[in-house]
Protein backbone atom coordinates (compact mmCIF):
# COMPACT_ATOMS: atom_id res chain seq x y z
CA UNK A 1 17.95 -105.07 286.39
CA UNK A 2 18.31 -102.76 289.04
CA UNK A 3 21.76 -101.84 288.07
CA UNK A 4 21.07 -101.35 284.75
CA UNK A 5 18.16 -98.98 285.63
CA UNK A 6 20.42 -96.72 287.48
CA UNK A 7 22.93 -96.43 284.92
CA UNK A 8 20.36 -95.37 282.12
CA UNK A 9 18.56 -93.17 284.89
CA UNK A 10 22.37 -91.57 285.89
CA UNK A 11 22.92 -90.96 281.97
CA UNK A 12 19.77 -89.40 281.58
CA UNK A 13 19.94 -87.26 284.46
CA UNK A 14 23.40 -85.84 283.34
CA UNK A 15 22.18 -84.97 279.85
CA UNK A 16 19.09 -83.54 281.22
CA UNK A 17 21.52 -81.48 283.50
CA UNK A 18 23.73 -80.89 280.62
CA UNK A 19 21.11 -79.41 278.31
CA UNK A 20 19.40 -77.24 280.81
CA UNK A 21 21.25 -74.41 279.82
CA UNK A 22 20.56 -74.71 276.23
CA UNK A 23 16.68 -74.99 277.33
CA UNK A 24 16.88 -71.92 278.98
CA UNK A 25 18.48 -69.74 276.21
CA UNK A 26 17.09 -71.83 272.91
CA UNK A 27 14.19 -72.49 271.09
CA UNK A 28 11.39 -74.58 271.02
CA UNK A 29 13.39 -77.76 269.72
CA UNK A 30 15.97 -77.39 272.22
CA UNK A 31 13.47 -76.82 275.31
CA UNK A 32 11.30 -79.92 273.82
CA UNK A 33 14.08 -82.38 273.77
CA UNK A 34 15.13 -81.02 277.50
CA UNK A 35 11.25 -82.06 278.70
CA UNK A 36 11.45 -85.30 277.02
CA UNK A 37 14.89 -85.82 278.64
CA UNK A 38 13.80 -84.68 282.11
CA UNK A 39 10.33 -86.52 281.68
CA UNK A 40 12.13 -89.97 281.12
CA UNK A 41 14.38 -89.27 283.93
CA UNK A 42 11.56 -89.19 286.00
CA UNK A 43 9.69 -92.38 284.02
CA UNK A 44 12.87 -94.20 285.11
CA UNK A 45 13.47 -92.99 288.48
CA UNK A 46 9.51 -94.60 289.10
CA UNK A 47 10.99 -97.64 288.23
CA UNK A 48 13.61 -97.97 291.08
CA UNK A 49 12.62 -98.99 294.77
CA UNK A 50 13.92 -95.11 295.56
CA UNK A 51 11.32 -93.36 292.83
CA UNK A 52 8.32 -95.74 294.23
CA UNK A 53 9.46 -94.85 297.72
CA UNK A 54 9.00 -91.33 297.34
CA UNK A 55 5.32 -91.55 296.46
CA UNK A 56 4.31 -94.25 299.11
CA UNK A 57 3.16 -92.00 301.27
CA UNK A 58 0.25 -90.79 299.15
CA UNK A 59 -1.90 -93.77 300.21
CA UNK A 60 -2.75 -94.45 296.40
CA UNK A 61 -1.98 -97.71 295.47
CA UNK A 62 0.62 -98.21 292.39
CA UNK A 63 0.62 -94.62 292.19
CA UNK A 64 4.56 -94.69 290.97
CA UNK A 65 3.25 -96.75 288.10
CA UNK A 66 0.58 -94.12 287.17
CA UNK A 67 3.70 -91.07 287.59
CA UNK A 68 5.93 -93.44 285.08
CA UNK A 69 3.34 -93.85 282.68
CA UNK A 70 2.43 -90.00 282.78
CA UNK A 71 5.98 -89.28 282.67
CA UNK A 72 6.59 -91.60 279.49
CA UNK A 73 3.57 -89.96 277.69
CA UNK A 74 5.02 -86.37 278.31
CA UNK A 75 8.25 -87.76 277.32
CA UNK A 76 7.27 -88.72 273.73
CA UNK A 77 5.23 -85.60 273.27
CA UNK A 78 8.11 -83.28 274.08
CA UNK A 79 10.56 -85.99 271.68
CA UNK A 80 8.01 -85.82 268.79
CA UNK A 81 7.87 -81.80 269.24
CA UNK A 82 11.61 -81.90 269.05
CA UNK A 83 11.78 -84.08 265.79
CA UNK A 84 9.15 -82.07 264.23
CA UNK A 85 10.82 -78.56 265.10
CA UNK A 86 14.12 -80.16 263.71
CA UNK A 87 12.30 -81.20 260.70
CA UNK A 88 11.01 -77.90 260.07
CA UNK A 89 14.28 -76.07 260.64
CA UNK A 90 16.18 -78.41 258.30
CA UNK A 91 17.18 -76.82 255.06
CA UNK A 92 15.76 -78.10 251.99
CA UNK A 93 13.14 -79.99 254.00
CA UNK A 94 10.51 -77.59 252.08
CA UNK A 95 12.23 -77.85 248.54
CA UNK A 96 9.13 -78.10 246.83
CA UNK A 97 6.04 -75.78 248.51
CA UNK A 98 3.62 -76.89 245.99
CA UNK A 99 4.12 -80.50 246.59
CA UNK A 100 6.24 -80.95 249.96
CA UNK A 101 7.69 -84.25 250.70
CA UNK A 102 5.62 -86.93 252.43
CA UNK A 103 7.80 -87.17 255.30
CA UNK A 104 7.35 -83.27 255.80
CA UNK A 105 3.27 -83.80 255.31
CA UNK A 106 3.43 -86.03 258.18
CA UNK A 107 5.80 -84.29 260.45
CA UNK A 108 3.67 -81.15 259.76
CA UNK A 109 0.49 -83.13 260.92
CA UNK A 110 1.90 -84.82 263.86
CA UNK A 111 3.22 -81.48 265.36
CA UNK A 112 -0.13 -79.98 264.97
CA UNK A 113 -1.68 -82.82 266.99
CA UNK A 114 0.76 -84.04 269.22
CA UNK A 115 -0.09 -82.08 272.43
CA UNK A 116 -3.95 -82.21 272.06
CA UNK A 117 -3.39 -86.21 271.53
CA UNK A 118 -0.82 -86.45 274.55
CA UNK A 119 -3.46 -84.49 276.63
CA UNK A 120 -6.22 -87.09 275.59
CA UNK A 121 -4.22 -90.26 276.41
CA UNK A 122 -2.93 -88.93 279.74
CA UNK A 123 -6.27 -87.95 280.70
CA UNK A 124 -7.48 -91.56 279.44
CA UNK A 125 -5.15 -93.46 281.28
CA UNK A 126 -5.56 -91.69 284.31
CA UNK A 127 -9.39 -92.17 284.43
CA UNK A 128 -8.93 -95.82 283.81
CA UNK A 129 -6.55 -96.22 286.51
CA UNK A 130 -8.60 -94.41 289.03
CA UNK A 131 -11.94 -95.92 288.07
CA UNK A 132 -11.61 -98.79 285.98
CA UNK A 133 -8.82 -100.72 287.55
CA UNK A 134 -9.17 -102.52 290.63
CA UNK A 135 -7.71 -99.79 293.38
CA UNK A 136 -7.07 -102.35 296.45
CA UNK A 137 -3.77 -101.68 297.99
CA UNK A 138 -0.78 -103.93 296.73
CA UNK A 139 0.82 -106.27 299.26
CA UNK A 140 4.42 -105.65 300.02
CA UNK A 141 6.47 -108.23 297.76
CA UNK A 142 8.54 -107.58 294.89
CA UNK A 143 6.85 -110.02 292.67
CA UNK A 144 3.57 -108.51 293.24
CA UNK A 145 4.75 -105.08 292.23
CA UNK A 146 4.53 -105.98 288.55
CA UNK A 147 1.33 -104.07 287.12
CA UNK A 148 0.17 -106.50 284.46
CA UNK A 149 0.44 -109.29 287.14
CA UNK A 150 -1.37 -107.59 289.89
CA UNK A 151 -4.05 -106.57 287.27
CA UNK A 152 -4.38 -109.54 285.09
CA UNK A 153 -7.96 -110.59 284.11
CA UNK A 154 -9.41 -106.75 284.42
CA UNK A 155 -10.65 -105.95 280.90
CA UNK A 156 -10.08 -102.09 281.63
CA UNK A 157 -6.21 -102.94 281.68
CA UNK A 158 -6.23 -103.51 277.98
CA UNK A 159 -7.66 -99.98 277.74
CA UNK A 160 -4.94 -98.41 280.02
CA UNK A 161 -2.20 -100.16 278.21
CA UNK A 162 -3.55 -99.14 275.15
CA UNK A 163 -3.23 -95.19 276.04
CA UNK A 164 0.48 -95.87 277.21
CA UNK A 165 1.79 -98.50 274.41
CA UNK A 166 -0.25 -96.88 271.71
CA UNK A 167 0.97 -93.46 271.99
CA UNK A 168 4.51 -94.96 272.84
CA UNK A 169 4.70 -97.22 269.52
CA UNK A 170 3.22 -94.40 267.30
CA UNK A 171 5.99 -91.71 268.33
CA UNK A 172 8.84 -94.23 268.10
CA UNK A 173 7.68 -94.98 264.68
CA UNK A 174 7.70 -91.30 263.20
CA UNK A 175 10.93 -90.38 265.65
CA UNK A 176 12.67 -93.78 264.06
CA UNK A 177 11.47 -93.11 260.59
CA UNK A 178 12.81 -89.19 260.71
CA UNK A 179 16.01 -90.10 262.39
CA UNK A 180 17.00 -93.25 260.09
CA UNK A 181 16.27 -90.55 257.00
CA UNK A 182 18.43 -87.97 258.94
CA UNK A 183 21.46 -90.30 259.55
CA UNK A 184 21.73 -90.98 255.85
CA UNK A 185 22.22 -87.15 255.00
CA UNK A 186 24.19 -86.50 258.19
CA UNK A 187 27.63 -84.73 257.52
CA UNK A 188 29.50 -85.75 260.37
CA UNK A 189 30.58 -89.05 261.28
CA UNK A 190 29.84 -88.08 265.14
CA UNK A 191 26.33 -87.16 264.05
CA UNK A 192 25.83 -90.15 261.64
CA UNK A 193 26.57 -92.65 264.37
CA UNK A 194 24.32 -90.48 266.94
CA UNK A 195 21.38 -90.59 265.00
CA UNK A 196 22.08 -94.33 263.65
CA UNK A 197 22.02 -95.31 267.38
CA UNK A 198 19.31 -93.19 268.17
CA UNK A 199 16.92 -94.90 265.26
CA UNK A 200 18.03 -98.30 266.22
CA UNK A 201 17.06 -97.59 269.87
CA UNK A 202 13.79 -96.10 269.19
CA UNK A 203 13.04 -98.99 267.09
CA UNK A 204 13.75 -101.76 270.07
CA UNK A 205 11.47 -99.57 272.13
CA UNK A 206 8.75 -99.73 269.40
CA UNK A 207 9.16 -103.47 269.24
CA UNK A 208 8.85 -103.20 273.18
CA UNK A 209 5.65 -101.21 273.15
CA UNK A 210 4.13 -103.58 270.58
CA UNK A 211 4.94 -106.56 272.68
CA UNK A 212 3.78 -105.19 275.38
CA UNK A 213 0.32 -104.16 274.22
CA UNK A 214 -0.45 -107.65 272.57
CA UNK A 215 0.53 -109.30 276.11
CA UNK A 216 -1.57 -106.64 277.76
CA UNK A 217 -4.73 -107.64 275.89
CA UNK A 218 -3.89 -111.59 276.36
CA UNK A 219 -3.46 -110.45 280.22
CA UNK A 220 -6.60 -108.90 280.61
CA UNK A 221 -9.03 -111.57 279.12
CA UNK A 222 -6.86 -114.66 279.86
CA UNK A 223 -4.31 -114.45 282.89
CA UNK A 224 -1.39 -116.86 282.22
CA UNK A 225 0.63 -118.29 284.73
CA UNK A 226 3.11 -117.15 286.94
CA UNK A 227 6.12 -118.68 285.29
CA UNK A 228 5.02 -117.16 281.85
CA UNK A 229 4.35 -113.44 283.28
CA UNK A 230 7.74 -113.97 284.89
CA UNK A 231 9.52 -114.92 281.44
CA UNK A 232 7.66 -112.38 279.54
CA UNK A 233 8.71 -109.70 281.86
CA UNK A 234 12.34 -110.73 281.82
CA UNK A 235 12.13 -110.77 277.88
CA UNK A 236 10.50 -107.18 277.36
CA UNK A 237 12.72 -105.78 279.96
CA UNK A 238 15.70 -106.52 277.89
CA UNK A 239 13.99 -104.99 275.20
CA UNK A 240 13.58 -101.75 277.15
CA UNK A 241 16.97 -101.46 278.95
CA UNK A 242 18.79 -102.56 275.57
CA UNK A 243 16.59 -99.70 273.26
CA UNK A 244 16.96 -97.10 275.85
CA UNK A 245 20.95 -97.52 276.44
CA UNK A 246 21.46 -97.39 272.92
CA UNK A 247 18.91 -94.52 272.43
CA UNK A 248 20.82 -92.44 275.14
CA UNK A 249 24.27 -93.39 273.83
CA UNK A 250 23.13 -92.08 270.65
CA UNK A 251 21.60 -88.90 272.04
CA UNK A 252 25.10 -88.17 273.60
CA UNK A 253 27.29 -89.33 270.65
CA UNK A 254 26.64 -86.31 268.28
CA UNK A 255 27.87 -83.76 271.05
CA UNK A 256 31.57 -85.64 271.72
CA UNK A 257 32.43 -83.67 268.65
CA UNK A 258 31.70 -80.39 270.57
CA UNK A 259 33.28 -81.80 273.67
CA UNK A 260 36.39 -82.98 272.07
CA UNK A 261 36.63 -79.60 270.18
CA UNK A 262 35.99 -77.58 273.64
CA UNK A 263 38.81 -79.39 275.41
CA UNK A 264 41.33 -79.06 272.26
CA UNK A 265 40.14 -75.02 272.95
CA UNK A 266 40.92 -75.18 276.70
CA UNK A 267 44.17 -77.25 276.28
CA UNK A 268 45.13 -74.47 273.61
CA UNK A 269 44.24 -71.71 276.16
CA UNK A 270 46.45 -73.13 278.72
CA UNK A 271 49.37 -73.33 276.45
CA UNK A 272 49.37 -69.73 275.35
CA UNK A 273 48.33 -68.45 278.56
CA UNK A 274 52.06 -68.18 279.77
CA UNK A 275 52.91 -66.05 276.92
CA UNK A 276 49.71 -63.91 276.66
CA UNK A 277 49.97 -63.16 280.35
CA UNK A 278 53.40 -62.16 280.17
CA UNK A 279 53.12 -59.96 277.27
CA UNK A 280 49.97 -58.43 278.77
CA UNK A 281 51.95 -57.42 282.03
CA UNK A 282 54.73 -56.20 279.87
CA UNK A 283 52.45 -53.77 278.05
CA UNK A 284 49.29 -53.26 279.78
CA UNK A 285 46.14 -51.82 278.44
CA UNK A 286 46.20 -53.56 275.26
CA UNK A 287 44.01 -56.36 276.55
CA UNK A 288 40.38 -56.84 276.96
CA UNK A 289 40.83 -57.95 280.66
CA UNK A 290 44.02 -57.46 282.63
CA UNK A 291 45.68 -60.72 283.52
CA UNK A 292 44.86 -61.63 287.18
CA UNK A 293 46.92 -61.04 289.66
CA UNK A 294 44.93 -62.76 292.65
CA UNK A 295 47.53 -63.40 295.93
CA UNK A 296 50.49 -62.41 293.92
CA UNK A 297 53.50 -63.77 295.32
CA UNK A 298 52.13 -66.84 297.14
CA UNK A 299 52.65 -70.26 296.41
CA UNK A 300 49.19 -71.28 294.91
CA UNK A 301 49.15 -67.81 292.89
CA UNK A 302 50.13 -69.16 289.35
CA UNK A 303 47.38 -71.79 289.58
CA UNK A 304 44.56 -69.21 290.70
CA UNK A 305 45.47 -66.82 287.97
CA UNK A 306 45.67 -69.22 285.26
CA UNK A 307 42.10 -70.51 286.50
CA UNK A 308 40.66 -66.85 286.50
CA UNK A 309 42.58 -65.75 283.10
CA UNK A 310 41.54 -69.09 281.27
CA UNK A 311 38.14 -70.17 282.53
CA UNK A 312 36.29 -66.59 283.16
CA UNK A 313 35.14 -63.58 281.00
CA UNK A 314 34.09 -64.78 277.98
CA UNK A 315 31.05 -67.11 277.58
CA UNK A 316 32.64 -69.57 274.99
CA UNK A 317 36.13 -71.22 275.37
CA UNK A 318 36.55 -70.73 271.30
CA UNK A 319 36.15 -66.86 272.23
CA UNK A 320 38.41 -66.62 274.85
CA UNK A 321 40.86 -68.60 272.29
CA UNK A 322 40.24 -66.47 269.62
CA UNK A 323 40.67 -63.34 271.93
CA UNK A 324 43.94 -64.47 273.24
CA UNK A 325 45.30 -64.83 269.86
CA UNK A 326 44.13 -61.48 268.68
CA UNK A 327 45.60 -60.01 271.99
CA UNK A 328 48.93 -61.74 271.15
CA UNK A 329 49.06 -60.23 267.93
CA UNK A 330 48.31 -56.61 269.49
CA UNK A 331 51.04 -57.39 272.09
CA UNK A 332 53.21 -58.19 269.76
CA UNK A 333 52.80 -55.21 267.70
CA UNK A 334 53.45 -53.09 270.80
CA UNK A 335 56.80 -54.81 271.45
CA UNK A 336 58.05 -54.26 268.09
CA UNK A 337 57.88 -50.49 268.78
CA UNK A 338 60.69 -51.19 271.59
CA UNK A 339 62.58 -53.86 269.73
CA UNK A 340 65.95 -53.30 268.15
CA UNK A 341 65.60 -53.79 264.37
CA UNK A 342 68.21 -56.27 264.38
CA UNK A 343 67.01 -58.36 267.23
CA UNK A 344 64.96 -61.28 265.71
CA UNK A 345 67.98 -61.50 262.84
CA UNK A 346 70.33 -61.83 266.10
CA UNK A 347 67.71 -64.46 267.63
CA UNK A 348 66.96 -66.54 264.56
CA UNK A 349 71.06 -66.83 264.64
CA UNK A 350 70.98 -67.95 268.10
CA UNK A 351 68.42 -70.57 267.29
CA UNK A 352 70.64 -71.96 264.59
CA UNK A 353 73.62 -71.91 266.48
CA UNK A 354 71.81 -73.99 269.12
CA UNK A 355 71.30 -76.97 266.48
CA UNK A 356 67.70 -75.99 265.39
CA UNK A 357 66.43 -76.05 261.91
CA UNK A 358 63.47 -75.33 259.81
CA UNK A 359 60.25 -74.45 261.52
CA UNK A 360 61.55 -75.47 265.05
CA UNK A 361 64.11 -72.85 264.63
CA UNK A 362 61.87 -70.17 263.62
CA UNK A 363 59.85 -70.98 266.58
CA UNK A 364 62.79 -71.08 269.20
CA UNK A 365 63.97 -67.87 267.59
CA UNK A 366 60.50 -65.75 268.02
CA UNK A 367 60.58 -67.58 271.63
CA UNK A 368 63.58 -65.57 272.19
CA UNK A 369 62.71 -62.49 270.48
CA UNK A 370 59.52 -62.16 272.82
CA UNK A 371 61.42 -62.80 275.73
CA UNK A 372 64.40 -60.34 274.87
CA UNK A 373 61.66 -57.54 273.68
CA UNK A 374 59.75 -58.00 276.59
CA UNK A 375 62.37 -57.46 279.03
CA UNK A 376 63.39 -54.14 276.99
CA UNK A 377 59.74 -53.04 277.51
CA UNK A 378 59.61 -53.60 281.12
CA UNK A 379 63.00 -52.13 281.85
CA UNK A 380 62.37 -49.25 279.61
CA UNK A 381 65.84 -49.95 277.96
CA UNK A 382 64.86 -48.23 274.82
CA UNK A 383 62.12 -45.70 273.75
CA UNK A 384 59.71 -46.23 271.17
CA UNK A 385 60.09 -46.26 267.67
CA UNK A 386 59.71 -47.77 264.22
CA UNK A 387 58.25 -51.28 264.52
CA UNK A 388 61.05 -53.67 264.21
CA UNK A 389 61.03 -56.54 261.61
CA UNK A 390 59.24 -59.69 262.62
CA UNK A 391 58.09 -62.30 259.82
CA UNK A 392 54.83 -63.28 260.36
CA UNK A 393 52.71 -66.07 258.57
CA UNK A 394 48.88 -65.52 256.93
CA UNK A 395 47.30 -68.67 258.34
CA UNK A 396 44.25 -69.70 256.63
CA UNK A 397 42.09 -70.76 259.85
CA UNK A 398 42.71 -70.05 263.31
CA UNK A 399 43.27 -73.80 264.45
CA UNK A 400 46.52 -73.70 262.06
CA UNK A 401 47.75 -70.21 263.60
CA UNK A 402 46.96 -71.47 267.00
CA UNK A 403 49.10 -74.89 266.73
CA UNK A 404 51.94 -72.33 265.45
CA UNK A 405 51.61 -70.08 268.37
CA UNK A 406 51.56 -73.42 270.87
CA UNK A 407 54.98 -73.95 269.32
CA UNK A 408 56.32 -70.33 269.69
CA UNK A 409 54.98 -70.36 273.34
CA UNK A 410 56.44 -73.58 274.22
CA UNK A 411 59.65 -72.18 273.06
CA UNK A 412 59.17 -69.21 274.99
CA UNK A 413 58.36 -71.07 278.26
CA UNK A 414 61.88 -72.94 277.74
CA UNK A 415 64.26 -69.93 276.77
CA UNK A 416 67.19 -69.62 279.05
CA UNK A 417 67.53 -66.20 281.06
CA UNK A 418 71.40 -66.29 279.90
CA UNK A 419 71.01 -66.67 276.25
CA UNK A 420 68.41 -63.51 276.80
CA UNK A 421 71.01 -61.48 278.48
CA UNK A 422 73.68 -62.40 275.88
CA UNK A 423 71.21 -61.89 273.21
CA UNK A 424 70.32 -58.23 274.19
CA UNK A 425 74.28 -57.56 274.46
CA UNK A 426 74.59 -58.61 271.00
CA UNK A 427 71.84 -55.91 269.85
CA UNK A 428 73.78 -53.07 272.32
CA UNK A 429 70.81 -53.19 274.90
CA UNK A 430 71.68 -52.96 278.58
CA UNK A 431 69.38 -54.28 280.92
CA UNK A 432 69.63 -54.77 284.81
CA UNK A 433 70.18 -58.88 285.41
CA UNK A 434 67.77 -58.26 288.42
CA UNK A 435 65.10 -57.72 286.12
């Protein structure tokens, strides 16, 4: 199944690149998970012709298989370190220090011995590979590249595979138990689905390891026919591909909530950018970062400036969104100092006159108010004074306030310049029609 190998390899590589920044900045569990994913990526690369061709130049027969198995053991070591680190950081995992839960005791024991055990297993399989197995170069031919088929009848094969699949099965059983228990206590649907898929996937991989281990013992002492070997390879490969794919999808699933939240925040930033930018340029000095004026006056200027304002400066899109909302409030307060007292009342009357009702009428009225007040400030039509009335709501969450500001920003973007000038005439403020 070469196409499935590349799909799984691509998914693992994508997750490894995505999690690299958190591994660099994070704690033991983030680094351990990244090591596990990167090692699994290397192991799956060695299952492809591309990966094997990379190491053929060493002259060591079947060296790609050894590297694949070493990378697999490193991955299981990293995965177990990740699981134990998460368990230690889980609130309530040590609810009774005098008599800790059996799962916690097993976790602590595994965390203490996982690295030495992995090092011992890697050393053991390496020694068996070089000194216990037949080192005759493998002839060209895809059917003869199957490791067990080539080393059938060699008792050392059973010992070699014990180092690989014995560790594999032990780690899978512990990780599956931990994830299944955590899935029952997950607070979000995405996390529950992800942990369940990871537990199911690792369960399939444990079955794969046990079947391969049993088959290795049989092959080592009683070589089967080529047809039987081929059927066994196809059956176990199906377990391997299915388990790996389910596990990777489960690994990605919990992150979908964060990805969706990030996409929504970016959408909100883009919706608020026009209002934020116009107000910030009208009252400079009140924002942390001045709106970008790169290539002002050119056709691509709007897009370049939007990208620079929305996607730079703050490290997190959520921080940028909170800053936009806070700065719009600061700019609003500044504009109120220059707006006529009756400006909002007249803007509200204009919105109702145009047929708007309820919350939409309020959003349109505020859109007109922002447009008119901005024009007053930019043309210095009035001196600063007492802040003019402007009704504001007390929102419980940033999300609620952002949703409302988006409606106001959309209304602001759609105001008619002629209506704005008419509104200013109604409150007795004369501005240049060229503004």
